[in-house]
C-alpha atoms as a PDB file:
ATOM      1  CA  MET A   1     -74.994 -24.462 -25.247  1.00  0.00           C
ATOM      2  CA  GLY A   2     -71.272 -23.939 -25.821  1.00  0.00           C
ATOM      3  CA  SER A   3     -71.103 -21.010 -23.455  1.00  0.00           C
ATOM      4  CA  ILE A   4     -72.626 -23.050 -20.626  1.00  0.00           C
ATOM      5  CA  LYS A   5     -70.105 -25.819 -21.243  1.00  0.00           C
ATOM      6  CA  ASP A   6     -67.227 -23.341 -21.163  1.00  0.00           C
ATOM      7  CA  TYR A   7     -68.613 -21.832 -17.978  1.00  0.00           C
ATOM      8  CA  PHE A   8     -68.671 -25.121 -16.081  1.00  0.00           C
ATOM      9  CA  SER A   9     -65.260 -26.073 -17.491  1.00  0.00           C
ATOM     10  CA  SER A  10     -63.737 -22.843 -16.190  1.00  0.00           C
ATOM     11  CA  LEU A  11     -65.512 -23.329 -12.866  1.00  0.00           C
ATOM     12  CA  GLY A  12     -64.049 -26.810 -12.545  1.00  0.00           C
ATOM     13  CA  LYS A  13     -60.533 -25.571 -13.280  1.00  0.00           C
ATOM     14  CA  GLY A  14     -60.909 -22.810 -10.703  1.00  0.00           C
ATOM     15  CA  ILE A  15     -62.087 -25.257  -8.033  1.00  0.00           C
ATOM     16  CA  SER A  16     -59.219 -27.636  -8.888  1.00  0.00           C
ATOM     17  CA  SER A  17     -56.691 -24.781  -8.593  1.00  0.00           C
ATOM     18  CA  LEU A  18     -58.236 -23.725  -5.285  1.00  0.00           C
ATOM     19  CA  VAL A  19     -57.974 -27.227  -3.908  1.00  0.00           C
ATOM     20  CA  LYS A  20     -54.298 -27.476  -4.918  1.00  0.00           C
ATOM     21  CA  GLY A  21     -53.571 -24.171  -3.231  1.00  0.00           C
ATOM     22  CA  LEU A  22     -55.340 -25.250  -0.047  1.00  0.00           C
ATOM     23  CA  GLU A  23     -53.346 -28.472  -0.142  1.00  0.00           C
ATOM     24  CA  VAL A  24     -50.037 -26.605  -0.234  1.00  0.00           C
ATOM     25  CA  THR A  25     -51.231 -24.232   2.487  1.00  0.00           C
ATOM     26  CA  GLY A  26     -52.342 -27.169   4.658  1.00  0.00           C
ATOM     27  CA  LYS A  27     -48.948 -28.865   4.337  1.00  0.00           C
ATOM     28  CA  GLU A  28     -47.074 -25.687   5.299  1.00  0.00           C
ATOM     29  CA  PHE A  29     -49.454 -25.161   8.193  1.00  0.00           C
ATOM     30  CA  VAL A  30     -48.365 -28.424   9.846  1.00  0.00           C
ATOM     31  CA  THR A  31     -44.694 -28.284   8.756  1.00  0.00           C
ATOM     32  CA  PRO A  32     -42.237 -27.403  11.604  1.00  0.00           C
ATOM     33  CA  LYS A  33     -41.183 -23.754  11.403  1.00  0.00           C
ATOM     34  CA  ILE A  34     -37.590 -22.976  10.268  1.00  0.00           C
ATOM     35  CA  THR A  35     -37.841 -19.164  10.285  1.00  0.00           C
ATOM     36  CA  GLU A  36     -34.628 -17.546  11.650  1.00  0.00           C
ATOM     37  CA  ARG A  37     -35.228 -15.072  14.426  1.00  0.00           C
ATOM     38  CA  TYR A  38     -33.036 -11.999  14.578  1.00  0.00           C
ATOM     39  CA  PRO A  39     -31.686 -10.437  16.744  1.00  0.00           C
ATOM     40  CA  GLU A  40     -32.695 -13.064  19.333  1.00  0.00           C
ATOM     41  CA  ASP A  41     -30.430 -15.631  17.627  1.00  0.00           C
ATOM     42  CA  ARG A  42     -27.474 -13.255  17.250  1.00  0.00           C
ATOM     43  CA  GLU A  43     -25.165 -15.480  19.313  1.00  0.00           C
ATOM     44  CA  THR A  44     -25.809 -18.588  17.225  1.00  0.00           C
ATOM     45  CA  ARG A  45     -26.311 -17.038  13.788  1.00  0.00           C
ATOM     46  CA  HIS A  46     -23.811 -18.203  11.177  1.00  0.00           C
ATOM     47  CA  VAL A  47     -22.615 -15.624   8.660  1.00  0.00           C
ATOM     48  CA  PRO A  48     -20.459 -16.911   5.746  1.00  0.00           C
ATOM     49  CA  GLN A  49     -16.865 -15.732   5.882  1.00  0.00           C
ATOM     50  CA  ARG A  50     -16.971 -14.549   2.258  1.00  0.00           C
ATOM     51  CA  PHE A  51     -19.856 -12.182   2.989  1.00  0.00           C
ATOM     52  CA  ARG A  52     -18.690  -8.588   2.422  1.00  0.00           C
ATOM     53  CA  ALA A  53     -20.018  -6.318   5.135  1.00  0.00           C
ATOM     54  CA  VAL A  54     -17.450  -3.618   5.877  1.00  0.00           C
ATOM     55  CA  LEU A  55     -13.838  -2.824   4.938  1.00  0.00           C
ATOM     56  CA  ARG A  56     -11.190  -2.940   7.650  1.00  0.00           C
ATOM     57  CA  PHE A  57      -7.447  -2.597   8.183  1.00  0.00           C
ATOM     58  CA  ILE A  58      -5.350  -5.683   8.924  1.00  0.00           C
ATOM     59  CA  TYR A  59      -3.291  -5.131  12.096  1.00  0.00           C
ATOM     60  CA  ASP A  60      -0.790  -7.620  13.472  1.00  0.00           C
ATOM     61  CA  GLU A  61      -0.382  -8.514  17.151  1.00  0.00           C
ATOM     62  CA  GLU A  62       1.941  -5.542  17.711  1.00  0.00           C
ATOM     63  CA  GLY A  63      -0.487  -3.038  16.213  1.00  0.00           C
ATOM     64  CA  ASN A  64       1.330  -2.605  12.891  1.00  0.00           C
ATOM     65  CA  HIS A  65      -0.452  -2.359   9.555  1.00  0.00           C
ATOM     66  CA  ARG A  66       0.919  -2.937   6.047  1.00  0.00           C
ATOM     67  CA  CYS A  67      -0.459   0.122   4.256  1.00  0.00           C
ATOM     68  CA  ILE A  68       2.247   2.073   2.396  1.00  0.00           C
ATOM     69  CA  ALA A  69      -0.107   4.907   1.368  1.00  0.00           C
ATOM     70  CA  CYS A  70       0.435   4.231  -2.343  1.00  0.00           C
ATOM     71  CA  GLY A  71      -3.155   5.238  -3.177  1.00  0.00           C
ATOM     72  CA  THR A  72      -3.840   2.250  -5.465  1.00  0.00           C
ATOM     73  CA  CYS A  73      -7.098   1.416  -3.684  1.00  0.00           C
ATOM     74  CA  GLU A  74      -8.285   5.023  -3.890  1.00  0.00           C
ATOM     75  CA  ARG A  75      -7.604   5.195  -7.632  1.00  0.00           C
ATOM     76  CA  ASN A  76      -9.356   1.889  -8.351  1.00  0.00           C
ATOM     77  CA  CYS A  77     -12.487   2.646  -6.309  1.00  0.00           C
ATOM     78  CA  PRO A  78     -15.305   3.257  -8.858  1.00  0.00           C
ATOM     79  CA  ASN A  79     -17.247   5.798  -6.782  1.00  0.00           C
ATOM     80  CA  GLY A  80     -14.803   7.590  -4.474  1.00  0.00           C
ATOM     81  CA  THR A  81     -15.486   5.555  -1.355  1.00  0.00           C
ATOM     82  CA  LEU A  82     -11.863   5.724  -0.162  1.00  0.00           C
ATOM     83  CA  THR A  83      -9.685   8.716   0.728  1.00  0.00           C
ATOM     84  CA  VAL A  84      -6.011   8.149   1.543  1.00  0.00           C
ATOM     85  CA  GLU A  85      -4.422  11.114   3.339  1.00  0.00           C
ATOM     86  CA  THR A  86      -0.633  11.107   3.613  1.00  0.00           C
ATOM     87  CA  LYS A  87       2.123  13.051   5.350  1.00  0.00           C
ATOM     88  CA  MET A  88       5.900  13.419   4.950  1.00  0.00           C
ATOM     89  CA  VAL A  89       8.183  12.405   7.812  1.00  0.00           C
ATOM     90  CA  ASP A  90      11.947  12.565   8.317  1.00  0.00           C
ATOM     91  CA  THR A  91      13.795   9.261   8.543  1.00  0.00           C
ATOM     92  CA  TRP A  92      16.875   8.594  10.664  1.00  0.00           C
ATOM     93  CA  ASP A  93      19.176   8.918   7.645  1.00  0.00           C
ATOM     94  CA  GLY A  94      17.928  12.430   6.855  1.00  0.00           C
ATOM     95  CA  LYS A  95      15.618  11.470   3.984  1.00  0.00           C
ATOM     96  CA  LYS A  96      11.922  12.215   3.477  1.00  0.00           C
ATOM     97  CA  LYS A  97       9.354   9.417   3.556  1.00  0.00           C
ATOM     98  CA  LYS A  98       5.638   9.395   2.717  1.00  0.00           C
ATOM     99  CA  LYS A  99       3.480   7.766   5.389  1.00  0.00           C
ATOM    100  CA  LEU A 100      -0.215   7.222   5.963  1.00  0.00           C
ATOM    101  CA  ASP A 101      -1.985   9.906   7.965  1.00  0.00           C
ATOM    102  CA  ARG A 102      -5.680   8.974   7.711  1.00  0.00           C
ATOM    103  CA  TYR A 103      -7.498   6.225   5.778  1.00  0.00           C
ATOM    104  CA  ILE A 104     -11.133   7.278   5.317  1.00  0.00           C
ATOM    105  CA  TYR A 105     -13.808   4.781   4.231  1.00  0.00           C
ATOM    106  CA  ASP A 106     -17.414   5.748   3.408  1.00  0.00           C
ATOM    107  CA  LEU A 107     -19.515   2.647   3.998  1.00  0.00           C
ATOM    108  CA  GLY A 108     -22.632   4.427   2.759  1.00  0.00           C
ATOM    109  CA  SER A 109     -21.301   4.701  -0.799  1.00  0.00           C
ATOM    110  CA  CYS A 110     -19.417   1.372  -0.950  1.00  0.00           C
ATOM    111  CA  THR A 111     -20.615  -1.106  -3.597  1.00  0.00           C
ATOM    112  CA  PHE A 112     -18.568  -3.972  -2.077  1.00  0.00           C
ATOM    113  CA  CYS A 113     -16.913  -4.691  -5.427  1.00  0.00           C
ATOM    114  CA  GLN A 114     -13.652  -5.521  -3.596  1.00  0.00           C
ATOM    115  CA  LEU A 115     -11.455  -3.852  -6.220  1.00  0.00           C
ATOM    116  CA  CYS A 116      -9.581  -2.090  -3.414  1.00  0.00           C
ATOM    117  CA  VAL A 117      -8.754  -5.400  -1.742  1.00  0.00           C
ATOM    118  CA  THR A 118      -7.722  -7.286  -4.871  1.00  0.00           C
ATOM    119  CA  THR A 119      -5.445  -4.483  -6.129  1.00  0.00           C
ATOM    120  CA  CYS A 120      -3.725  -3.669  -2.829  1.00  0.00           C
ATOM    121  CA  PRO A 121      -0.017  -4.519  -3.343  1.00  0.00           C
ATOM    122  CA  THR A 122       0.617  -5.214   0.354  1.00  0.00           C
ATOM    123  CA  ASN A 123      -2.668  -6.948   1.347  1.00  0.00           C
ATOM    124  CA  ALA A 124      -3.307  -4.244   3.933  1.00  0.00           C
ATOM    125  CA  ILE A 125      -7.140  -4.286   3.820  1.00  0.00           C
ATOM    126  CA  GLU A 126      -9.930  -6.846   3.728  1.00  0.00           C
ATOM    127  CA  PHE A 127     -13.700  -7.175   4.014  1.00  0.00           C
ATOM    128  CA  ASN A 128     -15.129  -8.800   7.125  1.00  0.00           C
ATOM    129  CA  ASN A 129     -18.630 -10.211   7.637  1.00  0.00           C
ATOM    130  CA  ASP A 130     -19.766  -7.938  10.472  1.00  0.00           C
ATOM    131  CA  PHE A 131     -23.121  -6.984   8.948  1.00  0.00           C
ATOM    132  CA  GLU A 132     -24.443  -5.063  11.973  1.00  0.00           C
ATOM    133  CA  GLN A 133     -23.636  -1.577  10.665  1.00  0.00           C
ATOM    134  CA  ALA A 134     -27.032   0.143  11.020  1.00  0.00           C
ATOM    135  CA  VAL A 135     -26.815   3.751  12.278  1.00  0.00           C
ATOM    136  CA  PHE A 136     -29.195   6.697  12.548  1.00  0.00           C
ATOM    137  CA  THR A 137     -27.078   9.286  10.710  1.00  0.00           C
ATOM    138  CA  ARG A 138     -25.110   8.981   7.488  1.00  0.00           C
ATOM    139  CA  GLU A 139     -22.093  10.732   8.996  1.00  0.00           C
ATOM    140  CA  LYS A 140     -21.476   7.694  11.207  1.00  0.00           C
ATOM    141  CA  LEU A 141     -20.975   5.552   8.107  1.00  0.00           C
ATOM    142  CA  VAL A 142     -17.749   7.458   7.373  1.00  0.00           C
ATOM    143  CA  LYS A 143     -15.011   5.560   9.206  1.00  0.00           C
ATOM    144  CA  GLN A 144     -11.296   6.061   9.778  1.00  0.00           C
ATOM    145  CA  LEU A 145      -9.825   2.591   9.327  1.00  0.00           C
ATOM    146  CA  ASN A 146      -6.376   3.290  10.805  1.00  0.00           C
ATOM    147  CA  TYR A 147      -7.782   3.671  14.284  1.00  0.00           C
ATOM    148  CA  LEU A 148      -4.526   2.893  16.095  1.00  0.00           C
ATOM    149  CA  PRO A 149      -1.937   5.709  16.436  1.00  0.00           C
ATOM    150  CA  GLU A 150       0.776   5.683  13.807  1.00  0.00           C
ATOM    151  CA  LYS A 151       4.112   4.521  15.194  1.00  0.00           C
ATOM    152  CA  PRO A 152       7.227   6.745  14.836  1.00  0.00           C
ATOM    153  CA  GLU A 153      10.066   5.841  12.541  1.00  0.00           C
ATOM    154  CA  PRO A 154      12.341   3.147  14.047  1.00  0.00           C
ATOM    155  CA  LYS A 155      15.659   4.255  15.488  1.00  0.00           C
ATOM    156  CA  PRO A 156      18.792   3.178  13.600  1.00  0.00           C
ATOM    157  CA  THR A 157      20.934   0.301  14.813  1.00  0.00           C
ATOM    158  CA  PRO A 158      24.620   0.852  15.669  1.00  0.00           C
ATOM    159  CA  GLU A 159      25.541  -0.887  12.402  1.00  0.00           C
ATOM    160  CA  GLN A 160      23.342   1.479  10.403  1.00  0.00           C
ATOM    161  CA  ILE A 161      24.811   4.501  12.194  1.00  0.00           C
ATOM    162  CA  ALA A 162      28.366   3.298  11.503  1.00  0.00           C
ATOM    163  CA  LYS A 163      27.568   2.667   7.835  1.00  0.00           C
ATOM    164  CA  MET A 164      25.947   6.070   7.436  1.00  0.00           C
ATOM    165  CA  GLU A 165      28.928   7.787   9.062  1.00  0.00           C
ATOM    166  CA  ALA A 166      31.356   5.881   6.818  1.00  0.00           C
ATOM    167  CA  GLU A 167      29.397   6.896   3.736  1.00  0.00           C
ATOM    168  CA  ARG A 168      29.333  10.510   4.885  1.00  0.00           C
ATOM    169  CA  GLN A 169      33.086  10.568   5.493  1.00  0.00           C
ATOM    170  CA  ALA A 170      33.737   8.891   2.148  1.00  0.00           C
ATOM    171  CA  LYS A 171      31.651  11.527   0.352  1.00  0.00           C
ATOM    172  CA  ILE A 172      33.537  14.297   2.166  1.00  0.00           C
ATOM    173  CA  GLU A 173      36.900  12.786   1.187  1.00  0.00           C
ATOM    174  CA  ALA A 174      35.752  12.383  -2.421  1.00  0.00           C
ATOM    175  CA  ALA A 175      34.597  16.005  -2.525  1.00  0.00           C
ATOM    176  CA  LYS A 176      37.896  17.173  -1.035  1.00  0.00           C
ATOM    177  CA  ALA A 177      39.874  15.114  -3.545  1.00  0.00           C
ATOM    178  CA  ALA A 178      37.847  16.508  -6.451  1.00  0.00           C
ATOM    179  CA  ALA A 179      38.277  20.087  -5.176  1.00  0.00           C
ATOM    180  CA  ALA A 180      42.033  19.621  -4.713  1.00  0.00           C
ATOM    181  CA  ALA A 181      42.351  18.153  -8.190  1.00  0.00           C
ATOM    182  CA  LYS A 182      40.471  21.094  -9.717  1.00  0.00           C
ATOM    183  CA  LYS A 183      42.675  23.543  -7.827  1.00  0.00           C
ATOM    184  CA  ALA A 184      45.850  21.764  -8.896  1.00  0.00           C
ATOM    185  CA  ALA A 185      44.669  21.614 -12.506  1.00  0.00           C
ATOM    186  CA  ALA A 186      43.903  25.313 -12.476  1.00  0.00           C
ATOM    187  CA  ALA A 187      47.420  26.029 -11.166  1.00  0.00           C
ATOM    188  CA  GLY A 188      48.932  23.820 -13.887  1.00  0.00           C
ATOM    189  CA  ASP A 189      50.687  21.497 -11.422  1.00  0.00           C
ATOM    190  CA  THR A 190      48.906  18.244 -12.189  1.00  0.00           C
ATOM    191  CA  PRO A 191      46.458  17.003 -14.787  1.00  0.00           C
ATOM    192  CA  ALA A 192      42.738  17.391 -14.120  1.00  0.00           C
ATOM    193  CA  ALA A 193      41.867  13.711 -14.377  1.00  0.00           C
ATOM    194  CA  PRO A 194      40.214  13.416 -10.916  1.00  0.00           C
ATOM    195  CA  ALA A 195      38.322  16.647 -11.463  1.00  0.00           C
ATOM    196  CA  ASP A 196      36.249  15.505 -14.452  1.00  0.00           C
ATOM    197  CA  ASP A 197      32.585  14.672 -13.954  1.00  0.00           C
ATOM    198  CA  LYS A 198      33.013  10.955 -14.601  1.00  0.00           C
ATOM    199  CA  ALA A 199      35.665  10.585 -11.912  1.00  0.00           C
ATOM    200  CA  ALA A 200      33.680  12.653  -9.417  1.00  0.00           C
ATOM    201  CA  LYS A 201      30.553  10.573 -10.022  1.00  0.00           C
ATOM    202  CA  ALA A 202      32.514   7.353  -9.604  1.00  0.00           C
ATOM    203  CA  LEU A 203      33.930   8.567  -6.296  1.00  0.00           C
ATOM    204  CA  ALA A 204      30.484   9.574  -5.041  1.00  0.00           C
ATOM    205  CA  ALA A 205      28.925   6.272  -6.104  1.00  0.00           C
ATOM    206  CA  ALA A 206      31.587   4.282  -4.251  1.00  0.00           C
ATOM    207  CA  ALA A 207      31.211   6.293  -1.061  1.00  0.00           C
ATOM    208  CA  GLY A 208      29.606   3.409   0.830  1.00  0.00           C
ATOM    209  CA  ASP A 209      32.179   0.816  -0.286  1.00  0.00           C
ATOM    210  CA  PRO A 210      35.681   1.573   1.080  1.00  0.00           C
ATOM    211  CA  GLU A 211      37.316  -1.188  -1.007  1.00  0.00           C
ATOM    212  CA  LYS A 212      35.777   0.042  -4.232  1.00  0.00           C
ATOM    213  CA  LEU A 213      36.576   3.641  -3.312  1.00  0.00           C
ATOM    214  CA  ALA A 214      40.247   2.773  -2.791  1.00  0.00           C
ATOM    215  CA  LYS A 215      40.436   1.078  -6.206  1.00  0.00           C
ATOM    216  CA  ILE A 216      38.900   4.098  -7.930  1.00  0.00           C
ATOM    217  CA  GLN A 217      41.254   6.495  -6.161  1.00  0.00           C
ATOM    218  CA  ALA A 218      44.233   4.329  -7.158  1.00  0.00           C
ATOM    219  CA  ALA A 219      43.066   4.305 -10.780  1.00  0.00           C
ATOM    220  CA  ILE A 220      42.689   8.097 -10.758  1.00  0.00           C
ATOM    221  CA  LYS A 221      46.184   8.533  -9.318  1.00  0.00           C
ATOM    222  CA  ALA A 222      47.636   6.147 -11.885  1.00  0.00           C
ATOM    223  CA  LYS A 223      45.927   8.049 -14.687  1.00  0.00           C
ATOM    224  CA  ALA A 224      47.243  11.328 -13.315  1.00  0.00           C
ATOM    225  CA  ALA A 225      50.766   9.910 -13.135  1.00  0.00           C
ATOM    226  CA  ARG A 226      50.588   8.685 -16.748  1.00  0.00           C
ATOM    227  CA  GLU A 227      49.361  12.052 -17.965  1.00  0.00           C
ATOM    228  CA  ALA A 228      52.054  13.866 -15.979  1.00  0.00           C
ATOM    229  CA  ALA A 229      54.750  11.633 -17.483  1.00  0.00           C
ATOM    230  CA  ALA A 230      53.369  12.205 -20.974  1.00  0.00           C
ATOM    231  CA  LYS A 231      53.326  15.958 -20.399  1.00  0.00           C
ATOM    232  CA  LYS A 232      57.000  15.973 -19.254  1.00  0.00           C
ATOM    233  CA  ALA A 233      58.021  13.853 -22.220  1.00  0.00           C
ATOM    234  CA  GLY A 234      56.265  16.276 -24.567  1.00  0.00           C
ATOM    235  CA  GLU A 235      57.991  19.268 -23.006  1.00  0.00           C
ATOM    236  CA  ALA A 236      61.401  17.565 -23.354  1.00  0.00           C
END
């Protein structure tokens, strides 16, 4: 008797559940459809700005980027998605400078963690929301982000050229003064005050400041004169 009662109880629950399911299905059947159609609605589709789709360089209106090729993004990437290739160039003042050569980004291995963006010291890169990145071969997922040609080093201004020439001449004069002082000291004519390392370093450091250079030279001459006078007094 109990088994029959349990049977009809279970049957009633099953029918009740079926009716509830048909009720939900019936409501959805007459509800207006809100399914988004893609790619037919590509022109009107809204993609949130914070959606991370692909990494890109930030260029200004003149085609300049802010990457200094420091490699911080490459070091912080957890799976080697980024490769920063650099090169050395000569600047107008004769120095060497490291510049970006190629910035390689592998979209296929990117986890979109954004560590590269948040740790970039110059805010040179960002993620955009262009999600249409489907390709047929994996090789096409490897992108060079600095797609514009790298600009040459800027030419110096007349003021910079004049300053550089003044510094060069000041260094030459300081070297000549140090050499003459060493020669005179070796001959025993004058004391070797200007020829010591401290004086030579002071002259070289003040090469770009004519006023400071003149003060140092005057101090060296005064020291030499005092030492010469002391030497004569000792000989007498």
